[in-house]
Amino acid sequence: MADQAIADKADFIRAHTAWLAVPHTPEISLHLADEITEIWHKTEDDLEKLGLPPPFWAFAWAGGQGLARYILDHPETVRGKRVLDLASGSGLVAIAAAKAGAASVDANDIDAFALAAIALNAAGNGVCVEPRAGDLIGQNGDWQNNNWDVILAGDIAYERDMAARVFDWLYARMRSGTDVVIGDPGRAFLPKTGLVELAEYRVSTTRAIEDAEIKRTKVFRLHHG
């Protein structure tokens, strides 16, 4: 069953996930994989045979949970501002920003299933989030004439080449005046400099996708340094 053969991605998501409260942000529920859903048990090879990308959108990753918690607890970070949630996945952080009073929220991902999940999850939480497709990294201008006041990004430092590319872009946006706030649970390729720690959380997760059931997750603001 290839991607293009799935006429309605929303139906696929509903059929293969459960509507669950997020452990560290119980104010927000998402369509997530759990032990009772088929997608939980599928390996990456299984999904590739079906023509489906890995379902990163079906999990509430620790970095995103920590960042969403921070935004809900510190709404002044986004209140009244134009916000981009980069590599949004499930849309968790974008939904938190909308709940915290952002003027507008774009949720960007390159996976079409993630974009469908973002739309479903935002609607289920009663907030307005705009799913946005495409790879933004390396673009010099603002995407589709949008000027973001704040860029949020959760769990983006787990692969060397990707992390280098993403952080180069984020630091460039920061130097141009955009506030950049990230959540990270101790991934290997988080930059060692240019970060100001804002908060730390102990986030519940699962050994099905992580190396521990509790991940120490930090929230940082990028700064000149």
Protein backbone atom coordinates (compact mmCIF):
# COMPACT_ATOMS: atom_id res chain seq x y z
CA MET A 1 0.00 0.00 0.00
CA ALA A 2 2.00 2.98 -1.27
CA ASP A 3 1.61 6.53 -0.07
CA GLN A 4 -0.24 7.64 -3.21
CA ALA A 5 -2.64 4.71 -2.89
CA ILE A 6 -3.88 6.01 0.46
CA ALA A 7 -6.55 8.41 -0.69
CA ASP A 8 -7.39 9.66 2.76
CA LYS A 9 -4.41 9.95 5.09
CA ALA A 10 -6.65 11.14 7.89
CA ASP A 11 -8.59 7.86 7.79
CA PHE A 12 -5.30 5.94 7.88
CA ILE A 13 -4.17 7.89 10.92
CA ARG A 14 -7.45 7.38 12.75
CA ALA A 15 -7.35 3.65 12.01
CA HIS A 16 -3.76 3.13 13.20
CA THR A 17 -3.57 5.32 16.30
CA ALA A 18 -5.40 6.03 19.53
CA TRP A 19 -6.52 9.44 20.83
CA LEU A 20 -4.37 9.82 23.94
CA ALA A 21 -3.35 12.53 26.39
CA VAL A 22 0.34 13.40 26.16
CA PRO A 23 2.13 12.40 29.40
CA HIS A 24 3.92 15.70 30.09
CA THR A 25 1.20 17.92 28.64
CA PRO A 26 -2.08 16.25 29.60
CA GLU A 27 -3.94 19.37 28.45
CA ILE A 28 -3.21 18.15 24.92
CA SER A 29 -4.30 14.87 23.31
CA LEU A 30 -2.94 13.48 20.04
CA HIS A 31 -3.43 10.60 17.61
CA LEU A 32 -0.59 8.40 18.88
CA ALA A 33 0.67 4.88 18.41
CA ASP A 34 0.33 2.70 21.49
CA GLU A 35 0.54 -0.96 22.37
CA ILE A 36 -2.92 -1.69 21.00
CA THR A 37 -2.40 -0.15 17.58
CA GLU A 38 -0.91 -1.96 14.61
CA ILE A 39 1.53 0.78 13.66
CA TRP A 40 3.31 0.42 17.02
CA HIS A 41 4.52 -3.05 16.06
CA LYS A 42 5.65 -2.29 12.53
CA THR A 43 9.39 -1.99 12.03
CA GLU A 44 10.95 0.57 9.71
CA ASP A 45 11.49 -2.20 7.14
CA ASP A 46 7.81 -3.19 7.34
CA LEU A 47 6.75 0.39 6.73
CA GLU A 48 9.15 0.73 3.81
CA LYS A 49 7.56 -2.30 2.16
CA LEU A 50 4.22 -0.53 2.45
CA GLY A 51 5.68 2.61 0.91
CA LEU A 52 5.23 4.57 4.15
CA PRO A 53 7.85 6.77 5.80
CA PRO A 54 8.65 6.07 9.47
CA PRO A 55 5.69 7.43 11.49
CA PHE A 56 7.54 10.01 13.57
CA TRP A 57 4.22 11.88 13.74
CA ALA A 58 2.68 9.02 15.76
CA PHE A 59 4.84 9.55 18.86
CA ALA A 60 5.18 12.36 21.40
CA TRP A 61 8.97 12.67 21.45
CA ALA A 62 10.64 13.80 24.65
CA GLY A 63 12.11 17.00 23.21
CA GLY A 64 8.73 18.08 21.92
CA GLN A 65 7.02 17.23 25.21
CA GLY A 66 9.48 19.34 27.17
CA LEU A 67 9.20 22.26 24.76
CA ALA A 68 5.39 22.10 24.72
CA ARG A 69 5.34 22.06 28.53
CA TYR A 70 7.57 25.13 28.61
CA ILE A 71 5.35 27.02 26.15
CA LEU A 72 2.21 26.21 28.14
CA ASP A 73 3.88 27.29 31.38
CA HIS A 74 5.46 30.42 29.83
CA PRO A 75 2.84 31.65 27.33
CA GLU A 76 4.58 35.02 27.05
CA THR A 77 7.12 33.24 24.84
CA VAL A 78 4.58 33.10 22.01
CA ARG A 79 1.56 35.18 23.04
CA GLY A 80 0.50 37.51 20.23
CA LYS A 81 3.42 36.39 18.04
CA ARG A 82 3.77 34.68 14.68
CA VAL A 83 5.18 31.22 15.36
CA LEU A 84 6.78 28.45 13.28
CA ASP A 85 7.02 24.91 14.67
CA LEU A 86 9.85 23.36 12.64
CA ALA A 87 9.82 19.58 11.97
CA SER A 88 6.47 19.54 13.73
CA GLY A 89 5.69 15.80 13.54
CA SER A 90 2.47 15.32 15.50
CA GLY A 91 1.97 19.08 15.88
CA LEU A 92 2.32 18.91 19.68
CA VAL A 93 4.48 22.02 20.02
CA ALA A 94 2.40 23.95 17.49
CA ILE A 95 -0.77 23.11 19.41
CA ALA A 96 0.85 24.25 22.66
CA ALA A 97 1.77 27.56 21.00
CA ALA A 98 -1.79 28.05 19.76
CA LYS A 99 -3.18 27.27 23.22
CA ALA A 100 -0.71 29.77 24.71
CA GLY A 101 -2.13 32.58 22.57
CA ALA A 102 0.13 32.83 19.52
CA ALA A 103 -1.24 35.17 16.86
CA SER A 104 -0.60 32.52 14.19
CA VAL A 105 1.09 29.12 14.10
CA ASP A 106 2.66 27.41 11.09
CA ALA A 107 3.54 23.73 11.60
CA ASN A 108 6.11 22.58 9.06
CA ASP A 109 7.02 19.02 8.12
CA ILE A 110 8.25 17.24 4.99
CA ASP A 111 6.07 14.15 5.63
CA ALA A 112 2.56 14.29 4.13
CA PHE A 113 1.26 11.98 6.86
CA ALA A 114 2.62 14.36 9.51
CA LEU A 115 0.75 17.23 7.86
CA ALA A 116 -2.47 15.22 7.99
CA ALA A 117 -1.82 14.30 11.63
CA ILE A 118 -1.14 17.95 12.51
CA ALA A 119 -4.49 18.99 11.01
CA LEU A 120 -6.35 16.23 12.87
CA ASN A 121 -4.60 16.90 16.16
CA ALA A 122 -5.11 20.66 16.00
CA ALA A 123 -8.82 20.21 15.25
CA GLY A 124 -9.16 17.70 18.09
CA ASN A 125 -7.66 20.22 20.50
CA GLY A 126 -9.84 23.05 19.24
CA VAL A 127 -7.02 25.28 17.99
CA CYS A 128 -6.00 26.80 14.66
CA VAL A 129 -2.68 25.55 13.27
CA GLU A 130 -1.63 25.86 9.62
CA PRO A 131 0.15 22.71 8.32
CA ARG A 132 2.92 23.76 5.92
CA ALA A 133 4.76 21.40 3.58
CA GLY A 134 8.30 21.62 2.30
CA ASP A 135 11.94 21.83 3.33
CA LEU A 136 12.62 25.30 4.73
CA ILE A 137 16.27 24.80 5.58
CA GLY A 138 18.65 26.94 3.57
CA GLN A 139 16.02 29.38 2.35
CA ASN A 140 17.29 32.92 2.79
CA GLY A 141 13.96 34.72 2.64
CA ASP A 142 10.86 34.20 4.70
CA TRP A 143 8.71 31.34 3.52
CA GLN A 144 5.67 32.41 1.50
CA ASN A 145 6.06 36.00 2.79
CA ASN A 146 5.60 34.90 6.40
CA ASN A 147 7.76 36.65 8.99
CA TRP A 148 8.05 34.58 12.15
CA ASP A 149 8.68 36.18 15.49
CA VAL A 150 9.42 32.81 17.13
CA ILE A 151 10.68 29.49 15.79
CA LEU A 152 10.15 26.40 17.96
CA ALA A 153 11.85 23.05 17.34
CA GLY A 154 11.71 19.87 19.40
CA ASP A 155 14.12 16.94 19.15
CA ILE A 156 16.10 17.95 16.06
CA ALA A 157 19.62 16.87 17.08
CA TYR A 158 19.49 13.09 16.69
CA GLU A 159 21.38 12.79 13.37
CA ARG A 160 24.70 14.49 12.66
CA ASP A 161 24.25 15.89 9.15
CA MET A 162 20.65 16.91 9.70
CA ALA A 163 21.44 18.62 13.00
CA ALA A 164 24.30 20.60 11.47
CA ARG A 165 22.10 21.76 8.61
CA VAL A 166 19.13 22.64 10.81
CA PHE A 167 21.13 24.52 13.43
CA ASP A 168 23.02 26.52 10.78
CA TRP A 169 19.62 27.69 9.53
CA LEU A 170 18.26 28.35 13.01
CA TYR A 171 21.29 30.40 14.05
CA ALA A 172 20.93 32.44 10.86
CA ARG A 173 17.27 33.11 11.71
CA MET A 174 18.27 34.03 15.27
CA ARG A 175 20.88 36.50 14.02
CA SER A 176 18.20 38.12 11.85
CA GLY A 177 16.08 38.79 14.94
CA THR A 178 13.88 35.69 15.34
CA ASP A 179 13.54 34.16 18.80
CA VAL A 180 14.50 30.47 18.56
CA VAL A 181 13.55 28.04 21.35
CA ILE A 182 14.29 24.31 21.22
CA GLY A 183 13.61 21.20 23.30
CA ASP A 184 16.19 18.43 23.52
CA PRO A 185 16.46 15.24 25.64
CA GLY A 186 20.24 14.93 25.44
CA ARG A 187 20.66 13.97 21.79
CA ALA A 188 24.25 13.44 20.65
CA PHE A 189 24.41 16.25 18.11
CA LEU A 190 23.05 19.17 20.10
CA PRO A 191 25.47 22.13 19.73
CA LYS A 192 27.74 22.71 22.72
CA THR A 193 27.66 26.50 22.49
CA GLY A 194 25.19 29.24 21.61
CA LEU A 195 22.45 27.93 23.93
CA VAL A 196 20.89 29.39 27.07
CA GLU A 197 19.10 26.82 29.25
CA LEU A 198 15.57 27.87 30.19
CA ALA A 199 14.13 24.79 31.90
CA GLU A 200 14.63 21.10 32.59
CA TYR A 201 11.96 18.38 32.82
CA ARG A 202 11.77 14.66 33.51
CA VAL A 203 9.62 13.43 30.64
CA SER A 204 7.87 10.06 30.57
CA THR A 205 8.38 8.12 27.36
CA THR A 206 8.66 4.47 26.32
CA ARG A 207 11.51 2.07 25.68
CA ALA A 208 9.89 1.21 22.37
CA ILE A 209 11.34 4.44 20.97
CA GLU A 210 13.84 5.60 23.62
CA ASP A 211 16.63 4.15 25.78
CA ALA A 212 14.85 5.02 29.03
CA GLU A 213 11.33 5.43 30.36
CA ILE A 214 12.19 8.89 31.75
CA LYS A 215 14.22 11.32 29.66
CA ARG A 216 15.83 14.40 31.17
CA THR A 217 14.75 17.03 28.70
CA LYS A 218 15.98 20.61 28.51
CA VAL A 219 14.61 23.70 26.83
CA PHE A 220 17.07 26.21 25.38
CA ARG A 221 17.02 29.58 23.67
CA LEU A 222 19.55 30.18 20.93
CA HIS A 223 21.75 33.22 21.57
CA HIS A 224 24.74 35.04 20.11
CA GLY A 225 27.82 33.36 21.44
